[in-house]
Amino acid sequence: MKIIEGDLILKRDTIFNESLIVKGDIKGNFNLIVKGDLNCLNLNCSNLDCRNLNCRNLDFYAVAIAYNSFKCKSWKARRKNHIIKCLDGEIKLKGEDK
């Protein structure tokens, strides 16, 4: 598991072959692939692909896909024709009773 103590600034398309904890925000107009779990505060990237997503606020351009679980307080797509999907579960907004 990779732990980043501050913000992660994406300067190019980035792949992590392990779970990732970012104790700050993830920023950058690039693609992020996490081949494990992702846990962060605020996420702003072009496209996202991960196994389990847990963040406060999700801001993405066109595609956000999690395989098992998808939890966030809020999400916003910057493209009108976007895809947000959790393949094996539901998108659960924190604070909602479901």
PDB file of N, CA and C in Angstrom:
ATOM      1  N   MET A   1       0.837  -1.171   0.000  1.00  0.00           N
ATOM      2  CA  MET A   1       0.000   0.000   0.000  1.00  0.00           C
ATOM      3  C   MET A   1       0.885   1.238   0.000  1.00  0.00           C
ATOM      4  N   LYS A   2       0.571   2.181  -0.874  1.00  0.00           N
ATOM      5  CA  LYS A   2       1.310   3.438  -0.980  1.00  0.00           C
ATOM      6  C   LYS A   2       0.548   4.509  -0.209  1.00  0.00           C
ATOM      7  N   ILE A   3       1.245   5.265   0.651  1.00  0.00           N
ATOM      8  CA  ILE A   3       0.642   6.351   1.424  1.00  0.00           C
ATOM      9  C   ILE A   3       1.347   7.643   1.061  1.00  0.00           C
ATOM     10  N   ILE A   4       0.573   8.637   0.674  1.00  0.00           N
ATOM     11  CA  ILE A   4       1.104   9.962   0.353  1.00  0.00           C
ATOM     12  C   ILE A   4       0.592  10.921   1.419  1.00  0.00           C
ATOM     13  N   GLU A   5       1.490  11.596   2.104  1.00  0.00           N
ATOM     14  CA  GLU A   5       1.145  12.419   3.256  1.00  0.00           C
ATOM     15  C   GLU A   5       0.493  13.755   2.902  1.00  0.00           C
ATOM     16  N   GLY A   6       0.621  14.223   1.694  1.00  0.00           N
ATOM     17  CA  GLY A   6       0.018  15.497   1.297  1.00  0.00           C
ATOM     18  C   GLY A   6      -0.821  15.303   0.058  1.00  0.00           C
ATOM     19  N   ASP A   7      -0.795  16.299  -0.821  1.00  0.00           N
ATOM     20  CA  ASP A   7      -1.519  16.218  -2.081  1.00  0.00           C
ATOM     21  C   ASP A   7      -0.737  15.396  -3.094  1.00  0.00           C
ATOM     22  N   LEU A   8      -1.456  14.738  -3.980  1.00  0.00           N
ATOM     23  CA  LEU A   8      -0.864  14.067  -5.137  1.00  0.00           C
ATOM     24  C   LEU A   8      -1.227  14.899  -6.355  1.00  0.00           C
ATOM     25  N   ILE A   9      -0.219  15.462  -7.013  1.00  0.00           N
ATOM     26  CA  ILE A   9      -0.433  16.276  -8.207  1.00  0.00           C
ATOM     27  C   ILE A   9      -0.081  15.416  -9.420  1.00  0.00           C
ATOM     28  N   LEU A  10      -1.085  15.114 -10.245  1.00  0.00           N
ATOM     29  CA  LEU A  10      -0.861  14.297 -11.441  1.00  0.00           C
ATOM     30  C   LEU A  10      -0.265  15.172 -12.539  1.00  0.00           C
ATOM     31  N   LYS A  11       0.911  14.781 -13.045  1.00  0.00           N
ATOM     32  CA  LYS A  11       1.577  15.518 -14.125  1.00  0.00           C
ATOM     33  C   LYS A  11       1.514  14.761 -15.431  1.00  0.00           C
ATOM     34  N   ARG A  12       0.987  13.523 -15.376  1.00  0.00           N
ATOM     35  CA  ARG A  12       0.788  12.672 -16.562  1.00  0.00           C
ATOM     36  C   ARG A  12      -0.156  11.547 -16.142  1.00  0.00           C
ATOM     37  N   ASP A  13      -0.614  10.750 -17.092  1.00  0.00           N
ATOM     38  CA  ASP A  13      -1.416   9.583 -16.758  1.00  0.00           C
ATOM     39  C   ASP A  13      -0.624   8.730 -15.773  1.00  0.00           C
ATOM     40  N   THR A  14      -1.276   8.286 -14.697  1.00  0.00           N
ATOM     41  CA  THR A  14      -0.566   7.620 -13.607  1.00  0.00           C
ATOM     42  C   THR A  14      -1.246   6.308 -13.243  1.00  0.00           C
ATOM     43  N   ILE A  15      -0.439   5.266 -13.029  1.00  0.00           N
ATOM     44  CA  ILE A  15      -0.933   3.959 -12.622  1.00  0.00           C
ATOM     45  C   ILE A  15      -0.248   3.560 -11.320  1.00  0.00           C
ATOM     46  N   PHE A  16      -1.042   3.153 -10.325  1.00  0.00           N
ATOM     47  CA  PHE A  16      -0.517   2.572  -9.095  1.00  0.00           C
ATOM     48  C   PHE A  16      -0.896   1.102  -9.109  1.00  0.00           C
ATOM     49  N   ASN A  17       0.069   0.218  -8.963  1.00  0.00           N
ATOM     50  CA  ASN A  17      -0.173  -1.227  -8.972  1.00  0.00           C
ATOM     51  C   ASN A  17      -0.468  -1.756  -7.575  1.00  0.00           C
ATOM     52  N   GLU A  18      -0.899  -0.887  -6.690  1.00  0.00           N
ATOM     53  CA  GLU A  18      -1.207  -1.246  -5.308  1.00  0.00           C
ATOM     54  C   GLU A  18      -2.285  -0.297  -4.798  1.00  0.00           C
ATOM     55  N   SER A  19      -2.777  -0.536  -3.602  1.00  0.00           N
ATOM     56  CA  SER A  19      -3.738   0.372  -2.986  1.00  0.00           C
ATOM     57  C   SER A  19      -3.057   1.697  -2.675  1.00  0.00           C
ATOM     58  N   LEU A  20      -3.855   2.773  -2.630  1.00  0.00           N
ATOM     59  CA  LEU A  20      -3.314   4.118  -2.462  1.00  0.00           C
ATOM     60  C   LEU A  20      -4.135   4.890  -1.438  1.00  0.00           C
ATOM     61  N   ILE A  21      -3.442   5.494  -0.469  1.00  0.00           N
ATOM     62  CA  ILE A  21      -4.050   6.428   0.466  1.00  0.00           C
ATOM     63  C   ILE A  21      -3.370   7.769   0.257  1.00  0.00           C
ATOM     64  N   VAL A  22      -4.165   8.796  -0.009  1.00  0.00           N
ATOM     65  CA  VAL A  22      -3.645  10.152  -0.159  1.00  0.00           C
ATOM     66  C   VAL A  22      -4.269  10.971   0.961  1.00  0.00           C
ATOM     67  N   LYS A  23      -3.444  11.499   1.857  1.00  0.00           N
ATOM     68  CA  LYS A  23      -3.949  12.231   3.016  1.00  0.00           C
ATOM     69  C   LYS A  23      -4.287  13.672   2.675  1.00  0.00           C
ATOM     70  N   GLY A  24      -4.261  13.989   1.400  1.00  0.00           N
ATOM     71  CA  GLY A  24      -4.668  15.296   0.910  1.00  0.00           C
ATOM     72  C   GLY A  24      -5.562  15.101  -0.305  1.00  0.00           C
ATOM     73  N   ASP A  25      -5.418  15.986  -1.271  1.00  0.00           N
ATOM     74  CA  ASP A  25      -6.221  15.957  -2.485  1.00  0.00           C
ATOM     75  C   ASP A  25      -5.435  15.339  -3.636  1.00  0.00           C
ATOM     76  N   ILE A  26      -6.144  14.829  -4.614  1.00  0.00           N
ATOM     77  CA  ILE A  26      -5.542  14.382  -5.873  1.00  0.00           C
ATOM     78  C   ILE A  26      -5.995  15.362  -6.935  1.00  0.00           C
ATOM     79  N   LYS A  27      -5.029  15.984  -7.601  1.00  0.00           N
ATOM     80  CA  LYS A  27      -5.336  17.027  -8.582  1.00  0.00           C
ATOM     81  C   LYS A  27      -4.584  16.751  -9.870  1.00  0.00           C
ATOM     82  N   GLY A  28      -5.144  17.176 -10.971  1.00  0.00           N
ATOM     83  CA  GLY A  28      -4.467  17.066 -12.254  1.00  0.00           C
ATOM     84  C   GLY A  28      -5.434  16.630 -13.330  1.00  0.00           C
ATOM     85  N   ASN A  29      -5.226  17.106 -14.515  1.00  0.00           N
ATOM     86  CA  ASN A  29      -6.112  16.801 -15.628  1.00  0.00           C
ATOM     87  C   ASN A  29      -5.569  15.604 -16.410  1.00  0.00           C
ATOM     88  N   PHE A  30      -5.346  14.501 -15.681  1.00  0.00           N
ATOM     89  CA  PHE A  30      -4.799  13.283 -16.273  1.00  0.00           C
ATOM     90  C   PHE A  30      -5.573  12.078 -15.769  1.00  0.00           C
ATOM     91  N   ASN A  31      -5.337  10.933 -16.365  1.00  0.00           N
ATOM     92  CA  ASN A  31      -5.997   9.696 -15.967  1.00  0.00           C
ATOM     93  C   ASN A  31      -5.290   9.089 -14.771  1.00  0.00           C
ATOM     94  N   LEU A  32      -6.071   8.472 -13.862  1.00  0.00           N
ATOM     95  CA  LEU A  32      -5.534   7.800 -12.692  1.00  0.00           C
ATOM     96  C   LEU A  32      -6.093   6.388 -12.652  1.00  0.00           C
ATOM     97  N   ILE A  33      -5.204   5.404 -12.621  1.00  0.00           N
ATOM     98  CA  ILE A  33      -5.590   4.004 -12.482  1.00  0.00           C
ATOM     99  C   ILE A  33      -4.950   3.483 -11.208  1.00  0.00           C
ATOM    100  N   VAL A  34      -5.784   2.942 -10.308  1.00  0.00           N
ATOM    101  CA  VAL A  34      -5.312   2.372  -9.055  1.00  0.00           C
ATOM    102  C   VAL A  34      -5.725   0.907  -9.062  1.00  0.00           C
ATOM    103  N   LYS A  35      -4.749   0.015  -9.109  1.00  0.00           N
ATOM    104  CA  LYS A  35      -5.041  -1.424  -9.142  1.00  0.00           C
ATOM    105  C   LYS A  35      -5.152  -1.940  -7.717  1.00  0.00           C
ATOM    106  N   GLY A  36      -5.994  -1.300  -6.972  1.00  0.00           N
ATOM    107  CA  GLY A  36      -6.251  -1.603  -5.572  1.00  0.00           C
ATOM    108  C   GLY A  36      -7.285  -0.628  -5.075  1.00  0.00           C
ATOM    109  N   ASP A  37      -7.279  -0.339  -3.787  1.00  0.00           N
ATOM    110  CA  ASP A  37      -8.238   0.579  -3.185  1.00  0.00           C
ATOM    111  C   ASP A  37      -7.687   1.994  -3.231  1.00  0.00           C
ATOM    112  N   LEU A  38      -8.591   2.968  -3.338  1.00  0.00           N
ATOM    113  CA  LEU A  38      -8.207   4.383  -3.334  1.00  0.00           C
ATOM    114  C   LEU A  38      -8.963   5.083  -2.225  1.00  0.00           C
ATOM    115  N   ASN A  39      -8.231   5.776  -1.362  1.00  0.00           N
ATOM    116  CA  ASN A  39      -8.829   6.526  -0.272  1.00  0.00           C
ATOM    117  C   ASN A  39      -8.167   7.895  -0.255  1.00  0.00           C
ATOM    118  N   CYS A  40      -8.980   8.964  -0.405  1.00  0.00           N
ATOM    119  CA  CYS A  40      -8.422  10.313  -0.433  1.00  0.00           C
ATOM    120  C   CYS A  40      -9.483  11.307   0.030  1.00  0.00           C
ATOM    121  N   LEU A  41      -9.104  12.580   0.131  1.00  0.00           N
ATOM    122  CA  LEU A  41     -10.061  13.622   0.497  1.00  0.00           C
ATOM    123  C   LEU A  41     -10.836  14.073  -0.739  1.00  0.00           C
ATOM    124  N   ASN A  42     -10.215  14.827  -1.611  1.00  0.00           N
ATOM    125  CA  ASN A  42     -10.863  15.342  -2.809  1.00  0.00           C
ATOM    126  C   ASN A  42     -10.113  14.843  -4.030  1.00  0.00           C
ATOM    127  N   LEU A  43     -10.851  14.464  -5.047  1.00  0.00           N
ATOM    128  CA  LEU A  43     -10.265  13.854  -6.238  1.00  0.00           C
ATOM    129  C   LEU A  43     -10.691  14.635  -7.462  1.00  0.00           C
ATOM    130  N   ASN A  44      -9.713  15.104  -8.250  1.00  0.00           N
ATOM    131  CA  ASN A  44      -9.999  15.858  -9.475  1.00  0.00           C
ATOM    132  C   ASN A  44      -9.031  15.349 -10.541  1.00  0.00           C
ATOM    133  N   CYS A  45      -9.543  14.517 -11.467  1.00  0.00           N
ATOM    134  CA  CYS A  45      -8.712  13.972 -12.528  1.00  0.00           C
ATOM    135  C   CYS A  45      -9.555  13.802 -13.780  1.00  0.00           C
ATOM    136  N   SER A  46      -8.913  13.461 -14.887  1.00  0.00           N
ATOM    137  CA  SER A  46      -9.657  13.256 -16.136  1.00  0.00           C
ATOM    138  C   SER A  46     -10.516  12.017 -16.038  1.00  0.00           C
ATOM    139  N   ASN A  47      -9.917  10.852 -15.930  1.00  0.00           N
ATOM    140  CA  ASN A  47     -10.632   9.592 -15.863  1.00  0.00           C
ATOM    141  C   ASN A  47     -10.074   8.755 -14.721  1.00  0.00           C
ATOM    142  N   LEU A  48     -10.934   7.965 -14.099  1.00  0.00           N
ATOM    143  CA  LEU A  48     -10.570   7.208 -12.912  1.00  0.00           C
ATOM    144  C   LEU A  48     -10.974   5.755 -13.080  1.00  0.00           C
ATOM    145  N   ASP A  49     -10.070   4.845 -12.709  1.00  0.00           N
ATOM    146  CA  ASP A  49     -10.336   3.408 -12.760  1.00  0.00           C
ATOM    147  C   ASP A  49      -9.689   2.801 -11.517  1.00  0.00           C
ATOM    148  N   CYS A  50     -10.499   2.222 -10.599  1.00  0.00           N
ATOM    149  CA  CYS A  50      -9.942   1.629  -9.386  1.00  0.00           C
ATOM    150  C   CYS A  50     -10.849   0.519  -8.872  1.00  0.00           C
ATOM    151  N   ARG A  51     -10.355  -0.254  -7.910  1.00  0.00           N
ATOM    152  CA  ARG A  51     -11.133  -1.361  -7.345  1.00  0.00           C
ATOM    153  C   ARG A  51     -12.159  -0.836  -6.351  1.00  0.00           C
ATOM    154  N   ASN A  52     -11.741  -0.139  -5.327  1.00  0.00           N
ATOM    155  CA  ASN A  52     -12.638   0.447  -4.330  1.00  0.00           C
ATOM    156  C   ASN A  52     -12.296   1.921  -4.191  1.00  0.00           C
ATOM    157  N   LEU A  53     -13.313   2.771  -4.249  1.00  0.00           N
ATOM    158  CA  LEU A  53     -13.110   4.211  -4.161  1.00  0.00           C
ATOM    159  C   LEU A  53     -13.779   4.732  -2.900  1.00  0.00           C
ATOM    160  N   ASN A  54     -13.031   5.505  -2.114  1.00  0.00           N
ATOM    161  CA  ASN A  54     -13.574   6.144  -0.931  1.00  0.00           C
ATOM    162  C   ASN A  54     -12.958   7.527  -0.840  1.00  0.00           C
ATOM    163  N   CYS A  55     -13.756   8.557  -1.112  1.00  0.00           N
ATOM    164  CA  CYS A  55     -13.227   9.917  -1.067  1.00  0.00           C
ATOM    165  C   CYS A  55     -14.322  10.874  -0.609  1.00  0.00           C
ATOM    166  N   ARG A  56     -13.941  12.105  -0.313  1.00  0.00           N
ATOM    167  CA  ARG A  56     -14.920  13.102   0.107  1.00  0.00           C
ATOM    168  C   ARG A  56     -15.644  13.655  -1.117  1.00  0.00           C
ATOM    169  N   ASN A  57     -14.931  14.283  -2.026  1.00  0.00           N
ATOM    170  CA  ASN A  57     -15.533  14.879  -3.212  1.00  0.00           C
ATOM    171  C   ASN A  57     -14.824  14.370  -4.458  1.00  0.00           C
ATOM    172  N   LEU A  58     -15.601  13.976  -5.441  1.00  0.00           N
ATOM    173  CA  LEU A  58     -15.071  13.447  -6.697  1.00  0.00           C
ATOM    174  C   LEU A  58     -15.413  14.410  -7.818  1.00  0.00           C
ATOM    175  N   ASP A  59     -14.416  14.877  -8.534  1.00  0.00           N
ATOM    176  CA  ASP A  59     -14.586  15.772  -9.676  1.00  0.00           C
ATOM    177  C   ASP A  59     -13.779  15.159 -10.808  1.00  0.00           C
ATOM    178  N   PHE A  60     -14.470  14.765 -11.894  1.00  0.00           N
ATOM    179  CA  PHE A  60     -13.788  14.090 -12.984  1.00  0.00           C
ATOM    180  C   PHE A  60     -14.294  14.622 -14.314  1.00  0.00           C
ATOM    181  N   TYR A  61     -13.552  14.324 -15.375  1.00  0.00           N
ATOM    182  CA  TYR A  61     -13.914  14.834 -16.693  1.00  0.00           C
ATOM    183  C   TYR A  61     -14.994  13.994 -17.354  1.00  0.00           C
ATOM    184  N   ALA A  62     -14.742  12.701 -17.579  1.00  0.00           N
ATOM    185  CA  ALA A  62     -15.675  11.916 -18.380  1.00  0.00           C
ATOM    186  C   ALA A  62     -16.011  10.544 -17.814  1.00  0.00           C
ATOM    187  N   VAL A  63     -15.051   9.850 -17.205  1.00  0.00           N
ATOM    188  CA  VAL A  63     -15.268   8.467 -16.794  1.00  0.00           C
ATOM    189  C   VAL A  63     -14.757   8.247 -15.370  1.00  0.00           C
ATOM    190  N   ALA A  64     -15.613   7.676 -14.518  1.00  0.00           N
ATOM    191  CA  ALA A  64     -15.213   7.259 -13.170  1.00  0.00           C
ATOM    192  C   ALA A  64     -15.800   5.876 -12.944  1.00  0.00           C
ATOM    193  N   ILE A  65     -14.933   4.875 -12.817  1.00  0.00           N
ATOM    194  CA  ILE A  65     -15.377   3.490 -12.655  1.00  0.00           C
ATOM    195  C   ILE A  65     -14.668   2.868 -11.459  1.00  0.00           C
ATOM    196  N   ALA A  66     -15.459   2.261 -10.572  1.00  0.00           N
ATOM    197  CA  ALA A  66     -14.921   1.451  -9.477  1.00  0.00           C
ATOM    198  C   ALA A  66     -15.475   0.045  -9.661  1.00  0.00           C
ATOM    199  N   TYR A  67     -14.720  -0.939  -9.265  1.00  0.00           N
ATOM    200  CA  TYR A  67     -15.139  -2.319  -9.470  1.00  0.00           C
ATOM    201  C   TYR A  67     -16.025  -2.827  -8.334  1.00  0.00           C
ATOM    202  N   ASN A  68     -15.601  -2.675  -7.073  1.00  0.00           N
ATOM    203  CA  ASN A  68     -16.325  -3.266  -5.945  1.00  0.00           C
ATOM    204  C   ASN A  68     -17.167  -2.266  -5.169  1.00  0.00           C
ATOM    205  N   SER A  69     -16.574  -1.156  -4.739  1.00  0.00           N
ATOM    206  CA  SER A  69     -17.320  -0.190  -3.938  1.00  0.00           C
ATOM    207  C   SER A  69     -16.965   1.229  -4.351  1.00  0.00           C
ATOM    208  N   PHE A  70     -17.930   2.126  -4.215  1.00  0.00           N
ATOM    209  CA  PHE A  70     -17.789   3.508  -4.664  1.00  0.00           C
ATOM    210  C   PHE A  70     -18.493   4.380  -3.633  1.00  0.00           C
ATOM    211  N   LYS A  71     -17.714   5.072  -2.782  1.00  0.00           N
ATOM    212  CA  LYS A  71     -18.282   5.913  -1.734  1.00  0.00           C
ATOM    213  C   LYS A  71     -17.692   7.310  -1.817  1.00  0.00           C
ATOM    214  N   CYS A  72     -18.547   8.313  -1.819  1.00  0.00           N
ATOM    215  CA  CYS A  72     -18.088   9.694  -1.816  1.00  0.00           C
ATOM    216  C   CYS A  72     -19.194  10.581  -1.257  1.00  0.00           C
ATOM    217  N   LYS A  73     -18.831  11.786  -0.824  1.00  0.00           N
ATOM    218  CA  LYS A  73     -19.817  12.736  -0.328  1.00  0.00           C
ATOM    219  C   LYS A  73     -20.531  13.400  -1.498  1.00  0.00           C
ATOM    220  N   SER A  74     -19.787  13.715  -2.542  1.00  0.00           N
ATOM    221  CA  SER A  74     -20.381  14.333  -3.725  1.00  0.00           C
ATOM    222  C   SER A  74     -19.553  13.981  -4.952  1.00  0.00           C
ATOM    223  N   TRP A  75     -20.170  14.074  -6.132  1.00  0.00           N
ATOM    224  CA  TRP A  75     -19.437  13.876  -7.373  1.00  0.00           C
ATOM    225  C   TRP A  75     -19.951  14.846  -8.422  1.00  0.00           C
ATOM    226  N   LYS A  76     -19.030  15.204  -9.338  1.00  0.00           N
ATOM    227  CA  LYS A  76     -19.372  16.132 -10.413  1.00  0.00           C
ATOM    228  C   LYS A  76     -18.566  15.753 -11.649  1.00  0.00           C
ATOM    229  N   ALA A  77     -19.263  15.605 -12.771  1.00  0.00           N
ATOM    230  CA  ALA A  77     -18.605  15.354 -14.059  1.00  0.00           C
ATOM    231  C   ALA A  77     -18.519  16.672 -14.814  1.00  0.00           C
ATOM    232  N   ARG A  78     -17.369  16.924 -15.439  1.00  0.00           N
ATOM    233  CA  ARG A  78     -17.203  18.157 -16.204  1.00  0.00           C
ATOM    234  C   ARG A  78     -17.667  18.007 -17.645  1.00  0.00           C
ATOM    235  N   ARG A  79     -17.993  16.796 -18.056  1.00  0.00           N
ATOM    236  CA  ARG A  79     -18.494  16.563 -19.415  1.00  0.00           C
ATOM    237  C   ARG A  79     -19.949  16.121 -19.310  1.00  0.00           C
ATOM    238  N   LYS A  80     -20.809  16.680 -20.155  1.00  0.00           N
ATOM    239  CA  LYS A  80     -22.236  16.351 -20.111  1.00  0.00           C
ATOM    240  C   LYS A  80     -22.473  14.865 -20.386  1.00  0.00           C
ATOM    241  N   ASN A  81     -21.790  14.293 -21.356  1.00  0.00           N
ATOM    242  CA  ASN A  81     -21.908  12.888 -21.702  1.00  0.00           C
ATOM    243  C   ASN A  81     -20.829  12.116 -20.939  1.00  0.00           C
ATOM    244  N   HIS A  82     -21.120  11.735 -19.684  1.00  0.00           N
ATOM    245  CA  HIS A  82     -20.137  11.091 -18.810  1.00  0.00           C
ATOM    246  C   HIS A  82     -20.605   9.704 -18.394  1.00  0.00           C
ATOM    247  N   ILE A  83     -19.676   8.949 -17.808  1.00  0.00           N
ATOM    248  CA  ILE A  83     -19.973   7.623 -17.268  1.00  0.00           C
ATOM    249  C   ILE A  83     -19.478   7.590 -15.831  1.00  0.00           C
ATOM    250  N   ILE A  84     -20.365   7.240 -14.919  1.00  0.00           N
ATOM    251  CA  ILE A  84     -19.979   7.002 -13.530  1.00  0.00           C
ATOM    252  C   ILE A  84     -20.632   5.683 -13.140  1.00  0.00           C
ATOM    253  N   LYS A  85     -19.822   4.718 -12.704  1.00  0.00           N
ATOM    254  CA  LYS A  85     -20.327   3.359 -12.547  1.00  0.00           C
ATOM    255  C   LYS A  85     -19.549   2.613 -11.471  1.00  0.00           C
ATOM    256  N   CYS A  86     -20.256   1.790 -10.719  1.00  0.00           N
ATOM    257  CA  CYS A  86     -19.650   0.812  -9.831  1.00  0.00           C
ATOM    258  C   CYS A  86     -20.104  -0.548 -10.341  1.00  0.00           C
ATOM    259  N   LEU A  87     -19.191  -1.347 -10.848  1.00  0.00           N
ATOM    260  CA  LEU A  87     -19.548  -2.582 -11.539  1.00  0.00           C
ATOM    261  C   LEU A  87     -20.189  -3.631 -10.633  1.00  0.00           C
ATOM    262  N   ASP A  88     -19.652  -3.837  -9.433  1.00  0.00           N
ATOM    263  CA  ASP A  88     -20.147  -4.909  -8.563  1.00  0.00           C
ATOM    264  C   ASP A  88     -20.861  -4.390  -7.324  1.00  0.00           C
ATOM    265  N   GLY A  89     -21.224  -3.138  -7.301  1.00  0.00           N
ATOM    266  CA  GLY A  89     -21.904  -2.556  -6.146  1.00  0.00           C
ATOM    267  C   GLY A  89     -22.646  -1.306  -6.570  1.00  0.00           C
ATOM    268  N   GLU A  90     -22.969  -0.484  -5.599  1.00  0.00           N
ATOM    269  CA  GLU A  90     -23.690   0.759  -5.857  1.00  0.00           C
ATOM    270  C   GLU A  90     -22.800   1.948  -5.537  1.00  0.00           C
ATOM    271  N   ILE A  91     -23.122   3.072  -6.147  1.00  0.00           N
ATOM    272  CA  ILE A  91     -22.484   4.332  -5.774  1.00  0.00           C
ATOM    273  C   ILE A  91     -23.219   4.822  -4.540  1.00  0.00           C
ATOM    274  N   LYS A  92     -22.492   4.971  -3.447  1.00  0.00           N
ATOM    275  CA  LYS A  92     -23.104   5.358  -2.185  1.00  0.00           C
ATOM    276  C   LYS A  92     -22.582   6.730  -1.789  1.00  0.00           C
ATOM    277  N   LEU A  93     -23.492   7.686  -1.669  1.00  0.00           N
ATOM    278  CA  LEU A  93     -23.108   9.009  -1.240  1.00  0.00           C
ATOM    279  C   LEU A  93     -23.091   9.038   0.281  1.00  0.00           C
ATOM    280  N   LYS A  94     -21.968   9.461   0.857  1.00  0.00           N
ATOM    281  CA  LYS A  94     -21.837   9.533   2.314  1.00  0.00           C
ATOM    282  C   LYS A  94     -22.859  10.516   2.853  1.00  0.00           C
ATOM    283  N   GLY A  95     -23.520  10.128   3.922  1.00  0.00           N
ATOM    284  CA  GLY A  95     -24.531  10.982   4.509  1.00  0.00           C
ATOM    285  C   GLY A  95     -25.932  10.586   4.094  1.00  0.00           C
ATOM    286  N   GLU A  96     -26.056   9.756   3.050  1.00  0.00           N
ATOM    287  CA  GLU A  96     -27.359   9.262   2.637  1.00  0.00           C
ATOM    288  C   GLU A  96     -27.686   7.992   3.410  1.00  0.00           C
ATOM    289  N   ASP A  97     -28.915   7.825   3.757  1.00  0.00           N
ATOM    290  CA  ASP A  97     -29.356   6.595   4.410  1.00  0.00           C
ATOM    291  C   ASP A  97     -29.876   5.647   3.350  1.00  0.00           C
ATOM    292  N   LYS A  98     -29.136   4.572   3.120  1.00  0.00           N
ATOM    293  CA  LYS A  98     -29.548   3.575   2.120  1.00  0.00           C
ATOM    294  C   LYS A  98     -29.360   2.208   2.686  1.00  0.00           C
TER     295      LYS A  98
END
